[in-house]
Amino acid sequence: EYGRTIEAYRAGLERDGREMTVDFLRFGRIALVYQFLDESEAGVWSQETRSWVPLDSNHRSAIRSGLRIARKQAAPDLIKLPLASPAALSGEAS
């Protein structure tokens, strides 16, 4: 069931040597993203590099929507996830 759930939680994230409180959003086993509380920055966990990868600002509204859905503050809806393409996941060149 873990792989088919969506979860939102607030926790600390170390950035540039400082502990920041962020909202995390987990989409099953597919993606783990964070967003600063003021929505000024967001990122996604890269399993390949085992590090956080910053996301550009066009993903912030999708993350905000996902957080609201996970917290049951909004009805379930389609969410555009910031994922790598299948070619990137398999290691093929684009």
Protein backbone atom coordinates (compact mmCIF):
# COMPACT_ATOMS: atom_id res chain seq x y z
CA GLU A 1 0.00 0.00 0.00
CA TYR A 2 2.95 2.36 0.67
CA GLY A 3 3.61 2.56 -3.06
CA ARG A 4 0.08 3.74 -3.82
CA THR A 5 -0.29 6.51 -1.26
CA ILE A 6 0.38 10.22 -1.11
CA GLU A 7 1.68 11.79 2.10
CA ALA A 8 2.48 15.32 3.25
CA TYR A 9 4.50 16.16 6.32
CA ARG A 10 6.55 19.02 7.73
CA ALA A 11 10.13 18.36 8.84
CA GLY A 12 13.64 19.78 8.86
CA LEU A 13 15.94 19.80 5.85
CA GLU A 14 19.60 20.80 5.99
CA ARG A 15 20.49 23.34 3.29
CA ASP A 16 23.83 25.14 3.11
CA GLY A 17 24.68 24.10 6.66
CA ARG A 18 21.37 25.39 8.07
CA GLU A 19 18.33 23.44 9.21
CA MET A 20 15.20 24.67 7.39
CA THR A 21 11.60 23.61 8.04
CA VAL A 22 9.97 22.48 4.79
CA ASP A 23 6.88 20.66 3.58
CA PHE A 24 7.63 17.23 2.14
CA LEU A 25 5.34 15.50 -0.33
CA ARG A 26 5.73 11.78 -1.06
CA PHE A 27 4.05 10.18 -4.06
CA GLY A 28 4.19 6.46 -3.27
CA ARG A 29 7.57 5.11 -4.30
CA ILE A 30 7.74 7.44 -7.29
CA ALA A 31 8.82 10.83 -5.97
CA LEU A 32 9.77 12.73 -2.84
CA VAL A 33 9.68 16.51 -3.14
CA TYR A 34 10.07 19.40 -0.73
CA GLN A 35 8.95 23.00 -0.76
CA PHE A 36 9.96 25.84 1.56
CA LEU A 37 7.08 27.10 3.70
CA ASP A 38 7.15 30.42 1.83
CA GLU A 39 7.18 28.49 -1.50
CA SER A 40 10.38 30.26 -2.56
CA GLU A 41 12.22 27.02 -3.35
CA ALA A 42 11.36 23.42 -4.15
CA GLY A 43 13.34 20.30 -4.94
CA VAL A 44 13.04 16.62 -5.72
CA TRP A 45 15.10 13.71 -4.38
CA SER A 46 17.33 12.11 -7.02
CA GLN A 47 17.94 8.47 -6.27
CA GLU A 48 20.68 8.46 -8.91
CA THR A 49 22.78 11.18 -7.26
CA ARG A 50 21.35 10.56 -3.78
CA SER A 51 20.83 14.28 -3.33
CA TRP A 52 18.20 16.99 -3.63
CA VAL A 53 17.80 18.57 -7.07
CA PRO A 54 16.31 22.08 -7.18
CA LEU A 55 13.13 22.52 -9.23
CA ASP A 56 12.27 25.59 -11.20
CA SER A 57 9.35 27.74 -10.17
CA ASN A 58 6.83 26.21 -12.60
CA HIS A 59 6.51 23.14 -10.30
CA ARG A 60 5.50 25.09 -7.19
CA SER A 61 1.77 25.21 -7.88
CA ALA A 62 1.68 21.44 -8.58
CA ILE A 63 3.48 20.77 -5.28
CA ARG A 64 1.10 23.13 -3.46
CA SER A 65 -1.86 21.24 -4.96
CA GLY A 66 -0.34 17.90 -4.02
CA LEU A 67 0.18 19.05 -0.44
CA ARG A 68 -3.45 20.15 -0.20
CA ILE A 69 -4.69 16.83 -1.62
CA ALA A 70 -2.47 14.80 0.71
CA ARG A 71 -3.76 16.79 3.70
CA LYS A 72 -7.35 16.22 2.53
CA GLN A 73 -7.85 19.96 2.09
CA ALA A 74 -8.70 19.49 -1.60
CA ALA A 75 -10.38 16.81 -3.67
CA PRO A 76 -8.10 14.31 -5.45
CA ASP A 77 -7.01 15.59 -8.83
CA LEU A 78 -4.34 15.07 -11.46
CA ILE A 79 -0.90 16.30 -10.33
CA LYS A 80 2.00 16.84 -12.73
CA LEU A 81 5.02 15.30 -11.01
CA PRO A 82 8.57 16.60 -11.54
CA LEU A 83 10.03 13.27 -12.73
CA ALA A 84 12.93 12.35 -14.97
CA SER A 85 12.03 11.04 -18.42
CA PRO A 86 12.08 7.24 -18.96
CA ALA A 87 15.24 7.62 -21.09
CA ALA A 88 16.99 9.42 -18.23
CA LEU A 89 15.86 6.77 -15.77
CA SER A 90 17.23 3.95 -17.93
CA GLY A 91 20.52 5.75 -18.54
CA GLU A 92 19.95 6.31 -22.27
CA ALA A 93 21.10 9.52 -23.88
CA SER A 94 18.44 11.96 -25.11
